[in-house]
Amino acid sequence: MSANARSLKYILGWLIAGTRGGVTRAKIIQVLREAPQNANQLASLLALDYRTIRHHLKVLQKNRLITTAGEGYGTTYFLSPLLEENYAVFEEILNRIWKKEKKE
């Protein structure tokens, strides 16, 4: 595993498994893998408040897991190249979380 992938694993582990908003962030990542979206589209698709989506997008962007194109209301979000290349790391973390939840 490369140093970037290891670093990504720690970041994803913390942002997805280690914090309260992890489930929402995981859903956003999954949706963005299917197709780039703007915040309003994400809020509609995930049936969540627009401000909640914007908060999670900022967290994901700050940690370089997503990237953007455009400006203002029409800003479109994409997975970062690092996350695209290492999507299996994200899936591994999700699988671990789901297995843990099923045991409880």
N, C-alpha and C. Protein backbone atom coordinates (compact mmCIF):
# COMPACT_ATOMS: atom_id res chain seq x y z
N MET A 1 0.85 -1.19 0.00
CA MET A 1 0.00 0.00 0.00
C MET A 1 0.89 1.24 0.00
N SER A 2 0.59 2.16 -0.88
CA SER A 2 1.40 3.38 -0.98
C SER A 2 1.17 4.27 0.23
N ALA A 3 2.07 5.23 0.42
CA ALA A 3 1.94 6.17 1.54
C ALA A 3 0.64 6.97 1.41
N ASN A 4 0.29 7.35 0.17
CA ASN A 4 -0.96 8.10 -0.05
C ASN A 4 -2.18 7.25 0.35
N ALA A 5 -2.16 5.98 -0.02
CA ALA A 5 -3.28 5.09 0.30
C ALA A 5 -3.38 4.89 1.82
N ARG A 6 -2.24 4.76 2.48
CA ARG A 6 -2.24 4.61 3.94
C ARG A 6 -2.81 5.85 4.61
N SER A 7 -2.37 7.01 4.14
CA SER A 7 -2.86 8.27 4.67
C SER A 7 -4.37 8.39 4.44
N LEU A 8 -4.81 8.02 3.25
CA LEU A 8 -6.23 8.05 2.92
C LEU A 8 -7.02 7.13 3.84
N LYS A 9 -6.45 5.97 4.14
CA LYS A 9 -7.12 5.00 5.01
C LYS A 9 -7.36 5.60 6.40
N TYR A 10 -6.37 6.30 6.94
CA TYR A 10 -6.53 6.95 8.25
C TYR A 10 -7.59 8.05 8.20
N ILE A 11 -7.53 8.87 7.15
CA ILE A 11 -8.49 9.98 7.01
C ILE A 11 -9.91 9.43 6.88
N LEU A 12 -10.08 8.44 5.99
CA LEU A 12 -11.41 7.86 5.79
C LEU A 12 -11.89 7.16 7.06
N GLY A 13 -11.01 6.45 7.71
CA GLY A 13 -11.38 5.77 8.94
C GLY A 13 -11.92 6.74 9.97
N TRP A 14 -11.27 7.87 10.09
CA TRP A 14 -11.70 8.89 11.04
C TRP A 14 -12.99 9.57 10.58
N LEU A 15 -13.05 9.99 9.31
CA LEU A 15 -14.21 10.74 8.82
C LEU A 15 -15.46 9.88 8.64
N ILE A 16 -15.28 8.59 8.38
CA ILE A 16 -16.43 7.71 8.14
C ILE A 16 -16.79 6.90 9.39
N ALA A 17 -15.79 6.26 9.98
CA ALA A 17 -16.06 5.37 11.12
C ALA A 17 -15.94 6.08 12.46
N GLY A 18 -15.16 7.14 12.52
CA GLY A 18 -14.84 7.72 13.82
C GLY A 18 -15.62 8.96 14.21
N THR A 19 -16.50 9.44 13.36
CA THR A 19 -17.25 10.65 13.69
C THR A 19 -18.74 10.46 13.44
N ARG A 20 -19.53 11.29 14.10
CA ARG A 20 -20.99 11.17 14.04
C ARG A 20 -21.58 11.28 12.63
N GLY A 21 -21.03 12.13 11.81
CA GLY A 21 -21.57 12.34 10.46
C GLY A 21 -21.04 11.37 9.43
N GLY A 22 -20.35 10.34 9.87
CA GLY A 22 -19.70 9.40 8.97
C GLY A 22 -20.62 8.73 7.98
N VAL A 23 -21.80 8.36 8.42
CA VAL A 23 -22.75 7.67 7.53
C VAL A 23 -23.17 8.60 6.40
N THR A 24 -23.45 9.84 6.73
CA THR A 24 -23.84 10.81 5.71
C THR A 24 -22.70 11.04 4.73
N ARG A 25 -21.48 11.18 5.25
CA ARG A 25 -20.33 11.38 4.35
C ARG A 25 -20.13 10.16 3.44
N ALA A 26 -20.32 8.98 3.98
CA ALA A 26 -20.19 7.76 3.17
C ALA A 26 -21.22 7.76 2.04
N LYS A 27 -22.45 8.16 2.36
CA LYS A 27 -23.51 8.20 1.33
C LYS A 27 -23.15 9.21 0.24
N ILE A 28 -22.63 10.36 0.65
CA ILE A 28 -22.24 11.39 -0.33
C ILE A 28 -21.16 10.84 -1.26
N ILE A 29 -20.16 10.18 -0.69
CA ILE A 29 -19.08 9.61 -1.50
C ILE A 29 -19.64 8.58 -2.49
N GLN A 30 -20.55 7.73 -2.03
CA GLN A 30 -21.13 6.72 -2.91
C GLN A 30 -21.90 7.35 -4.06
N VAL A 31 -22.68 8.39 -3.76
CA VAL A 31 -23.46 9.07 -4.80
C VAL A 31 -22.53 9.75 -5.80
N LEU A 32 -21.48 10.41 -5.30
CA LEU A 32 -20.57 11.11 -6.20
C LEU A 32 -19.77 10.15 -7.07
N ARG A 33 -19.59 8.93 -6.61
CA ARG A 33 -18.89 7.95 -7.46
C ARG A 33 -19.75 7.61 -8.68
N GLU A 34 -21.05 7.60 -8.50
CA GLU A 34 -21.97 7.31 -9.61
C GLU A 34 -21.99 8.45 -10.62
N ALA A 35 -22.04 9.68 -10.11
CA ALA A 35 -22.09 10.85 -11.00
C ALA A 35 -21.84 12.12 -10.19
N PRO A 36 -21.11 13.08 -10.77
CA PRO A 36 -20.90 14.36 -10.09
C PRO A 36 -22.26 15.03 -9.83
N GLN A 37 -22.34 15.74 -8.72
CA GLN A 37 -23.60 16.39 -8.32
C GLN A 37 -23.29 17.75 -7.70
N ASN A 38 -24.31 18.62 -7.68
CA ASN A 38 -24.16 19.84 -6.89
C ASN A 38 -24.83 19.60 -5.54
N ALA A 39 -24.70 20.53 -4.61
CA ALA A 39 -25.20 20.34 -3.25
C ALA A 39 -26.72 20.15 -3.24
N ASN A 40 -27.42 20.88 -4.07
CA ASN A 40 -28.88 20.76 -4.11
C ASN A 40 -29.30 19.37 -4.60
N GLN A 41 -28.63 18.87 -5.61
CA GLN A 41 -28.94 17.53 -6.12
C GLN A 41 -28.68 16.48 -5.04
N LEU A 42 -27.56 16.63 -4.34
CA LEU A 42 -27.23 15.70 -3.25
C LEU A 42 -28.29 15.74 -2.16
N ALA A 43 -28.71 16.95 -1.77
CA ALA A 43 -29.73 17.09 -0.73
C ALA A 43 -31.02 16.39 -1.15
N SER A 44 -31.42 16.54 -2.40
CA SER A 44 -32.63 15.89 -2.89
C SER A 44 -32.48 14.37 -2.93
N LEU A 45 -31.37 13.92 -3.50
CA LEU A 45 -31.13 12.47 -3.62
C LEU A 45 -31.08 11.77 -2.27
N LEU A 46 -30.44 12.42 -1.30
CA LEU A 46 -30.25 11.80 0.01
C LEU A 46 -31.34 12.19 1.02
N ALA A 47 -32.28 13.02 0.57
CA ALA A 47 -33.38 13.49 1.43
C ALA A 47 -32.85 14.10 2.73
N LEU A 48 -31.86 14.99 2.57
CA LEU A 48 -31.26 15.67 3.71
C LEU A 48 -31.32 17.18 3.51
N ASP A 49 -31.20 17.91 4.60
CA ASP A 49 -31.20 19.36 4.56
C ASP A 49 -29.99 19.87 3.76
N TYR A 50 -30.23 20.89 2.96
CA TYR A 50 -29.18 21.48 2.12
C TYR A 50 -27.97 21.91 2.96
N ARG A 51 -28.22 22.56 4.10
CA ARG A 51 -27.11 23.02 4.95
C ARG A 51 -26.30 21.85 5.51
N THR A 52 -26.97 20.76 5.82
CA THR A 52 -26.29 19.56 6.30
C THR A 52 -25.35 19.03 5.22
N ILE A 53 -25.85 18.97 4.01
CA ILE A 53 -25.04 18.51 2.87
C ILE A 53 -23.84 19.42 2.68
N ARG A 54 -24.08 20.73 2.71
CA ARG A 54 -22.98 21.69 2.53
C ARG A 54 -21.91 21.50 3.61
N HIS A 55 -22.31 21.27 4.84
CA HIS A 55 -21.35 21.03 5.92
C HIS A 55 -20.48 19.81 5.60
N HIS A 56 -21.09 18.72 5.23
CA HIS A 56 -20.34 17.50 4.95
C HIS A 56 -19.46 17.65 3.71
N LEU A 57 -19.94 18.39 2.73
CA LEU A 57 -19.12 18.63 1.53
C LEU A 57 -17.86 19.42 1.91
N LYS A 58 -18.02 20.41 2.79
CA LYS A 58 -16.86 21.19 3.23
C LYS A 58 -15.84 20.31 3.94
N VAL A 59 -16.32 19.40 4.81
CA VAL A 59 -15.43 18.49 5.53
C VAL A 59 -14.70 17.59 4.54
N LEU A 60 -15.43 17.04 3.58
CA LEU A 60 -14.81 16.15 2.58
C LEU A 60 -13.81 16.90 1.71
N GLN A 61 -14.16 18.12 1.34
CA GLN A 61 -13.27 18.93 0.49
C GLN A 61 -12.02 19.34 1.27
N LYS A 62 -12.17 19.73 2.52
CA LYS A 62 -11.04 20.13 3.36
C LYS A 62 -10.03 18.99 3.49
N ASN A 63 -10.54 17.76 3.51
CA ASN A 63 -9.68 16.58 3.64
C ASN A 63 -9.28 15.98 2.30
N ARG A 64 -9.52 16.75 1.24
CA ARG A 64 -9.10 16.39 -0.12
C ARG A 64 -9.67 15.06 -0.63
N LEU A 65 -10.90 14.76 -0.20
CA LEU A 65 -11.57 13.55 -0.67
C LEU A 65 -12.47 13.84 -1.85
N ILE A 66 -12.88 15.11 -1.98
CA ILE A 66 -13.66 15.53 -3.14
C ILE A 66 -13.05 16.80 -3.71
N THR A 67 -13.43 17.09 -4.93
CA THR A 67 -12.96 18.29 -5.61
C THR A 67 -14.16 18.94 -6.28
N THR A 68 -14.00 20.15 -6.77
CA THR A 68 -15.14 20.88 -7.34
C THR A 68 -14.83 21.44 -8.72
N ALA A 69 -15.92 21.76 -9.41
CA ALA A 69 -15.85 22.51 -10.67
C ALA A 69 -16.99 23.51 -10.63
N GLY A 70 -16.76 24.69 -11.16
CA GLY A 70 -17.79 25.71 -11.16
C GLY A 70 -17.77 26.51 -9.87
N GLU A 71 -18.70 27.46 -9.78
CA GLU A 71 -18.74 28.34 -8.61
C GLU A 71 -20.16 28.55 -8.15
N GLY A 72 -20.28 29.06 -6.93
CA GLY A 72 -21.58 29.43 -6.39
C GLY A 72 -22.53 28.26 -6.28
N TYR A 73 -23.81 28.55 -6.53
CA TYR A 73 -24.87 27.57 -6.37
C TYR A 73 -24.66 26.35 -7.26
N GLY A 74 -24.07 26.55 -8.43
CA GLY A 74 -23.89 25.47 -9.39
C GLY A 74 -22.62 24.67 -9.20
N THR A 75 -21.87 24.90 -8.14
CA THR A 75 -20.64 24.15 -7.90
C THR A 75 -20.94 22.66 -7.94
N THR A 76 -20.18 21.95 -8.76
CA THR A 76 -20.37 20.51 -8.90
C THR A 76 -19.24 19.80 -8.17
N TYR A 77 -19.58 18.74 -7.46
CA TYR A 77 -18.61 17.99 -6.65
C TYR A 77 -18.29 16.65 -7.30
N PHE A 78 -17.02 16.29 -7.24
CA PHE A 78 -16.51 15.04 -7.80
C PHE A 78 -15.64 14.37 -6.74
N LEU A 79 -15.43 13.07 -6.87
CA LEU A 79 -14.43 12.42 -6.02
C LEU A 79 -13.06 12.91 -6.44
N SER A 80 -12.16 13.06 -5.50
CA SER A 80 -10.80 13.48 -5.82
C SER A 80 -10.10 12.33 -6.54
N PRO A 81 -9.07 12.64 -7.35
CA PRO A 81 -8.32 11.56 -8.01
C PRO A 81 -7.76 10.55 -7.00
N LEU A 82 -7.32 11.03 -5.83
CA LEU A 82 -6.78 10.13 -4.80
C LEU A 82 -7.84 9.14 -4.34
N LEU A 83 -9.05 9.62 -4.10
CA LEU A 83 -10.12 8.72 -3.65
C LEU A 83 -10.56 7.79 -4.78
N GLU A 84 -10.62 8.32 -5.99
CA GLU A 84 -10.96 7.48 -7.15
C GLU A 84 -10.00 6.30 -7.27
N GLU A 85 -8.70 6.61 -7.18
CA GLU A 85 -7.66 5.58 -7.33
C GLU A 85 -7.68 4.57 -6.19
N ASN A 86 -8.14 4.98 -5.04
CA ASN A 86 -8.12 4.12 -3.84
C ASN A 86 -9.52 3.85 -3.30
N TYR A 87 -10.49 3.77 -4.18
CA TYR A 87 -11.88 3.58 -3.75
C TYR A 87 -12.05 2.28 -2.96
N ALA A 88 -11.22 1.30 -3.24
CA ALA A 88 -11.29 0.02 -2.52
C ALA A 88 -11.03 0.23 -1.02
N VAL A 89 -10.20 1.20 -0.68
CA VAL A 89 -9.92 1.50 0.74
C VAL A 89 -11.21 1.98 1.41
N PHE A 90 -11.95 2.84 0.74
CA PHE A 90 -13.24 3.34 1.25
C PHE A 90 -14.20 2.17 1.43
N GLU A 91 -14.29 1.28 0.43
CA GLU A 91 -15.20 0.14 0.50
C GLU A 91 -14.82 -0.79 1.66
N GLU A 92 -13.53 -0.96 1.88
CA GLU A 92 -13.04 -1.80 2.98
C GLU A 92 -13.51 -1.25 4.33
N ILE A 93 -13.42 0.07 4.50
CA ILE A 93 -13.85 0.71 5.74
C ILE A 93 -15.36 0.55 5.93
N LEU A 94 -16.12 0.74 4.84
CA LEU A 94 -17.57 0.57 4.93
C LEU A 94 -17.94 -0.85 5.32
N ASN A 95 -17.30 -1.82 4.72
CA ASN A 95 -17.58 -3.22 5.02
C ASN A 95 -17.31 -3.53 6.48
N ARG A 96 -16.23 -2.98 7.00
CA ARG A 96 -15.88 -3.18 8.41
C ARG A 96 -16.95 -2.58 9.33
N ILE A 97 -17.43 -1.39 8.99
CA ILE A 97 -18.45 -0.73 9.80
C ILE A 97 -19.74 -1.54 9.79
N TRP A 98 -20.17 -2.00 8.59
CA TRP A 98 -21.42 -2.75 8.49
C TRP A 98 -21.34 -4.07 9.23
N LYS A 99 -20.20 -4.73 9.16
CA LYS A 99 -20.04 -5.99 9.90
C LYS A 99 -20.15 -5.75 11.40
N LYS A 100 -19.54 -4.65 11.87
CA LYS A 100 -19.56 -4.28 13.28
C LYS A 100 -21.00 -4.00 13.73
N GLU A 101 -21.75 -3.25 12.90
CA GLU A 101 -23.14 -2.91 13.24
C GLU A 101 -24.03 -4.14 13.30
N LYS A 102 -23.79 -5.10 12.41
CA LYS A 102 -24.61 -6.32 12.37
C LYS A 102 -24.38 -7.17 13.63
N LYS A 103 -23.16 -7.11 14.17
CA LYS A 103 -22.83 -7.88 15.37
C LYS A 103 -23.51 -7.32 16.61
N GLU A 104 -23.73 -6.01 16.62
CA GLU A 104 -24.29 -5.34 17.82
C GLU A 104 -25.76 -5.59 17.96
